[in-house]
Amino acid sequence: MISRRTRIGVGAAVLVVGLGGGLLGYRWATADDFADAKAQAAFCRTAEPLDLQTVNDLGLHDKHHILEDLSEQAPDGVHDDFATLLDWYDHFDPQDENDARAASFAVGEFIERSCDAINIGGVRAADG
């Protein structure tokens, strides 16, 4: 049985690696898929605490709630990635780690592409 401390540590590592790695790249939704500029601005305000300069001040529980809020505000094309990542937080299963990591990469890159002022750390959101 995996201890709670190990589970939290692994979950935090997946978020940090995923948000910091940017290896797989975001494929489906783009910043243009927000309903309007107001919706995108609200999304970015919610994502601000995930910026490289402040993310280390957050606990895993706080990050989870931010991701839940972002999932509700995100365009449809990225909801599956958020759902996969949030499921990882809620129901840790080592067999799902690769899917969670891929979703985390996609979510991190989407946030960085959508929110110019946010640096997810290590994510290289290349143009086009």
C-alpha atoms as a PDB file:
ATOM      1  CA  MET A   1       0.000   0.000   0.000  1.00  0.00           C
ATOM      2  CA  ILE A   2       1.282   3.446  -0.879  1.00  0.00           C
ATOM      3  CA  SER A   3       1.412   5.899   2.008  1.00  0.00           C
ATOM      4  CA  ARG A   4      -0.397   9.248   1.864  1.00  0.00           C
ATOM      5  CA  ARG A   5       2.955  11.061   2.066  1.00  0.00           C
ATOM      6  CA  THR A   6       4.289   9.107  -0.956  1.00  0.00           C
ATOM      7  CA  ARG A   7       1.049   9.704  -2.856  1.00  0.00           C
ATOM      8  CA  ILE A   8       1.176  13.466  -2.212  1.00  0.00           C
ATOM      9  CA  GLY A   9       4.863  13.585  -3.099  1.00  0.00           C
ATOM     10  CA  VAL A  10       4.333  11.718  -6.357  1.00  0.00           C
ATOM     11  CA  GLY A  11       1.307  13.859  -7.213  1.00  0.00           C
ATOM     12  CA  ALA A  12       3.317  17.010  -6.593  1.00  0.00           C
ATOM     13  CA  ALA A  13       6.169  15.646  -8.694  1.00  0.00           C
ATOM     14  CA  VAL A  14       3.831  14.933 -11.589  1.00  0.00           C
ATOM     15  CA  LEU A  15       2.471  18.485 -11.468  1.00  0.00           C
ATOM     16  CA  VAL A  16       5.942  20.017 -11.237  1.00  0.00           C
ATOM     17  CA  VAL A  17       7.378  17.798 -13.959  1.00  0.00           C
ATOM     18  CA  GLY A  18       4.316  18.156 -16.127  1.00  0.00           C
ATOM     19  CA  LEU A  19       3.949  21.888 -15.760  1.00  0.00           C
ATOM     20  CA  GLY A  20       7.684  22.349 -16.028  1.00  0.00           C
ATOM     21  CA  GLY A  21       8.449  19.854 -18.788  1.00  0.00           C
ATOM     22  CA  GLY A  22       6.435  20.853 -21.812  1.00  0.00           C
ATOM     23  CA  LEU A  23       7.655  17.831 -23.765  1.00  0.00           C
ATOM     24  CA  LEU A  24       4.490  16.689 -25.485  1.00  0.00           C
ATOM     25  CA  GLY A  25       2.997  20.024 -26.392  1.00  0.00           C
ATOM     26  CA  TYR A  26      -0.586  21.123 -26.500  1.00  0.00           C
ATOM     27  CA  ARG A  27      -2.545  19.899 -29.515  1.00  0.00           C
ATOM     28  CA  TRP A  28      -6.284  20.592 -29.353  1.00  0.00           C
ATOM     29  CA  ALA A  29      -7.492  23.853 -27.818  1.00  0.00           C
ATOM     30  CA  THR A  30      -5.898  27.232 -28.350  1.00  0.00           C
ATOM     31  CA  ALA A  31      -6.258  30.570 -26.605  1.00  0.00           C
ATOM     32  CA  ASP A  32      -8.532  31.571 -29.492  1.00  0.00           C
ATOM     33  CA  ASP A  33     -11.081  28.990 -28.285  1.00  0.00           C
ATOM     34  CA  PHE A  34     -12.119  31.071 -25.268  1.00  0.00           C
ATOM     35  CA  ALA A  35     -15.618  32.538 -25.598  1.00  0.00           C
ATOM     36  CA  ASP A  36     -14.168  36.047 -25.466  1.00  0.00           C
ATOM     37  CA  ALA A  37     -11.290  38.123 -24.110  1.00  0.00           C
ATOM     38  CA  LYS A  38     -13.061  38.473 -20.755  1.00  0.00           C
ATOM     39  CA  ALA A  39     -13.227  34.675 -20.340  1.00  0.00           C
ATOM     40  CA  GLN A  40      -9.539  34.338 -21.218  1.00  0.00           C
ATOM     41  CA  ALA A  41      -8.581  37.119 -18.780  1.00  0.00           C
ATOM     42  CA  ALA A  42     -10.534  35.382 -15.979  1.00  0.00           C
ATOM     43  CA  PHE A  43      -8.785  32.093 -16.778  1.00  0.00           C
ATOM     44  CA  CYS A  44      -5.395  33.795 -16.607  1.00  0.00           C
ATOM     45  CA  ARG A  45      -6.192  35.498 -13.294  1.00  0.00           C
ATOM     46  CA  THR A  46      -7.079  32.088 -11.870  1.00  0.00           C
ATOM     47  CA  ALA A  47      -3.827  30.608 -13.238  1.00  0.00           C
ATOM     48  CA  GLU A  48      -1.558  33.369 -11.852  1.00  0.00           C
ATOM     49  CA  PRO A  49      -0.575  31.439  -8.687  1.00  0.00           C
ATOM     50  CA  LEU A  50       0.883  28.677 -10.906  1.00  0.00           C
ATOM     51  CA  ASP A  51       3.514  31.099 -12.230  1.00  0.00           C
ATOM     52  CA  LEU A  52       7.095  29.963 -11.658  1.00  0.00           C
ATOM     53  CA  GLN A  53       7.689  32.814  -9.200  1.00  0.00           C
ATOM     54  CA  THR A  54       4.809  31.841  -6.884  1.00  0.00           C
ATOM     55  CA  VAL A  55       4.021  28.155  -7.428  1.00  0.00           C
ATOM     56  CA  ASN A  56       6.446  26.977  -4.758  1.00  0.00           C
ATOM     57  CA  ASP A  57       4.399  28.862  -2.158  1.00  0.00           C
ATOM     58  CA  LEU A  58       1.397  26.627  -2.887  1.00  0.00           C
ATOM     59  CA  GLY A  59       0.616  23.290  -1.338  1.00  0.00           C
ATOM     60  CA  LEU A  60      -0.623  20.349  -3.359  1.00  0.00           C
ATOM     61  CA  HIS A  61      -4.174  20.936  -2.106  1.00  0.00           C
ATOM     62  CA  ASP A  62      -4.074  24.561  -3.328  1.00  0.00           C
ATOM     63  CA  LYS A  63      -2.741  23.539  -6.742  1.00  0.00           C
ATOM     64  CA  HIS A  64      -5.479  20.947  -7.056  1.00  0.00           C
ATOM     65  CA  HIS A  65      -8.181  23.550  -6.378  1.00  0.00           C
ATOM     66  CA  ILE A  66      -6.643  25.984  -8.862  1.00  0.00           C
ATOM     67  CA  LEU A  67      -6.615  23.262 -11.520  1.00  0.00           C
ATOM     68  CA  GLU A  68     -10.270  22.454 -10.751  1.00  0.00           C
ATOM     69  CA  ASP A  69     -11.191  26.116 -11.202  1.00  0.00           C
ATOM     70  CA  LEU A  70      -9.166  26.363 -14.408  1.00  0.00           C
ATOM     71  CA  SER A  71     -10.835  23.235 -15.758  1.00  0.00           C
ATOM     72  CA  GLU A  72     -14.231  24.875 -15.352  1.00  0.00           C
ATOM     73  CA  GLN A  73     -13.050  27.999 -17.194  1.00  0.00           C
ATOM     74  CA  ALA A  74     -11.068  26.303 -19.977  1.00  0.00           C
ATOM     75  CA  PRO A  75     -12.303  25.779 -23.547  1.00  0.00           C
ATOM     76  CA  ASP A  76     -13.794  22.383 -24.349  1.00  0.00           C
ATOM     77  CA  GLY A  77     -10.731  21.174 -26.255  1.00  0.00           C
ATOM     78  CA  VAL A  78      -8.585  21.050 -23.124  1.00  0.00           C
ATOM     79  CA  HIS A  79     -11.135  19.604 -20.689  1.00  0.00           C
ATOM     80  CA  ASP A  80      -9.964  16.013 -21.190  1.00  0.00           C
ATOM     81  CA  ASP A  81      -6.401  16.964 -20.211  1.00  0.00           C
ATOM     82  CA  PHE A  82      -7.639  18.724 -17.088  1.00  0.00           C
ATOM     83  CA  ALA A  83      -9.896  15.757 -16.239  1.00  0.00           C
ATOM     84  CA  THR A  84      -7.017  13.297 -16.592  1.00  0.00           C
ATOM     85  CA  LEU A  85      -4.754  15.407 -14.396  1.00  0.00           C
ATOM     86  CA  LEU A  86      -7.422  15.994 -11.754  1.00  0.00           C
ATOM     87  CA  ASP A  87      -8.283  12.287 -11.715  1.00  0.00           C
ATOM     88  CA  TRP A  88      -4.619  11.581 -10.961  1.00  0.00           C
ATOM     89  CA  TYR A  89      -4.833  13.846  -7.910  1.00  0.00           C
ATOM     90  CA  ASP A  90      -8.073  12.242  -6.740  1.00  0.00           C
ATOM     91  CA  HIS A  91      -7.274   8.584  -7.468  1.00  0.00           C
ATOM     92  CA  PHE A  92      -3.537   8.052  -7.564  1.00  0.00           C
ATOM     93  CA  ASP A  93      -2.665   4.944  -9.544  1.00  0.00           C
ATOM     94  CA  PRO A  94       0.893   4.280 -10.714  1.00  0.00           C
ATOM     95  CA  GLN A  95      -0.499   2.771 -13.932  1.00  0.00           C
ATOM     96  CA  ASP A  96      -1.960   6.174 -14.830  1.00  0.00           C
ATOM     97  CA  GLU A  97       1.264   8.129 -14.292  1.00  0.00           C
ATOM     98  CA  ASN A  98       2.186   8.414 -17.983  1.00  0.00           C
ATOM     99  CA  ASP A  99      -1.289   9.669 -18.908  1.00  0.00           C
ATOM    100  CA  ALA A 100      -1.212  12.145 -16.014  1.00  0.00           C
ATOM    101  CA  ARG A 101       2.218  13.391 -17.058  1.00  0.00           C
ATOM    102  CA  ALA A 102       1.100  13.876 -20.678  1.00  0.00           C
ATOM    103  CA  ALA A 103      -2.021  15.723 -19.504  1.00  0.00           C
ATOM    104  CA  SER A 104       0.072  17.865 -17.198  1.00  0.00           C
ATOM    105  CA  PHE A 105       2.374  18.826 -20.073  1.00  0.00           C
ATOM    106  CA  ALA A 106      -0.619  19.764 -22.207  1.00  0.00           C
ATOM    107  CA  VAL A 107      -2.267  21.788 -19.437  1.00  0.00           C
ATOM    108  CA  GLY A 108       0.982  23.618 -18.652  1.00  0.00           C
ATOM    109  CA  GLU A 109       1.588  24.536 -22.248  1.00  0.00           C
ATOM    110  CA  PHE A 110      -2.026  25.611 -22.723  1.00  0.00           C
ATOM    111  CA  ILE A 111      -1.813  27.922 -19.714  1.00  0.00           C
ATOM    112  CA  GLU A 112       1.422  29.451 -20.922  1.00  0.00           C
ATOM    113  CA  ARG A 113       0.123  29.959 -24.479  1.00  0.00           C
ATOM    114  CA  SER A 114      -3.123  31.468 -23.214  1.00  0.00           C
ATOM    115  CA  CYS A 115      -1.628  33.729 -20.559  1.00  0.00           C
ATOM    116  CA  ASP A 116       1.346  35.765 -21.769  1.00  0.00           C
ATOM    117  CA  ALA A 117       2.282  36.932 -18.274  1.00  0.00           C
ATOM    118  CA  ILE A 118       2.508  33.409 -16.821  1.00  0.00           C
ATOM    119  CA  ASN A 119       5.714  31.381 -16.945  1.00  0.00           C
ATOM    120  CA  ILE A 120       5.059  27.779 -15.988  1.00  0.00           C
ATOM    121  CA  GLY A 121       8.772  27.039 -15.750  1.00  0.00           C
ATOM    122  CA  GLY A 122      10.427  24.874 -18.345  1.00  0.00           C
ATOM    123  CA  VAL A 123       7.445  24.949 -20.680  1.00  0.00           C
ATOM    124  CA  ARG A 124       8.506  26.257 -24.036  1.00  0.00           C
ATOM    125  CA  ALA A 125       5.295  27.253 -25.745  1.00  0.00           C
ATOM    126  CA  ALA A 126       6.665  27.645 -29.247  1.00  0.00           C
ATOM    127  CA  ASP A 127       4.686  29.745 -31.661  1.00  0.00           C
ATOM    128  CA  GLY A 128       2.461  27.974 -34.142  1.00  0.00           C
END
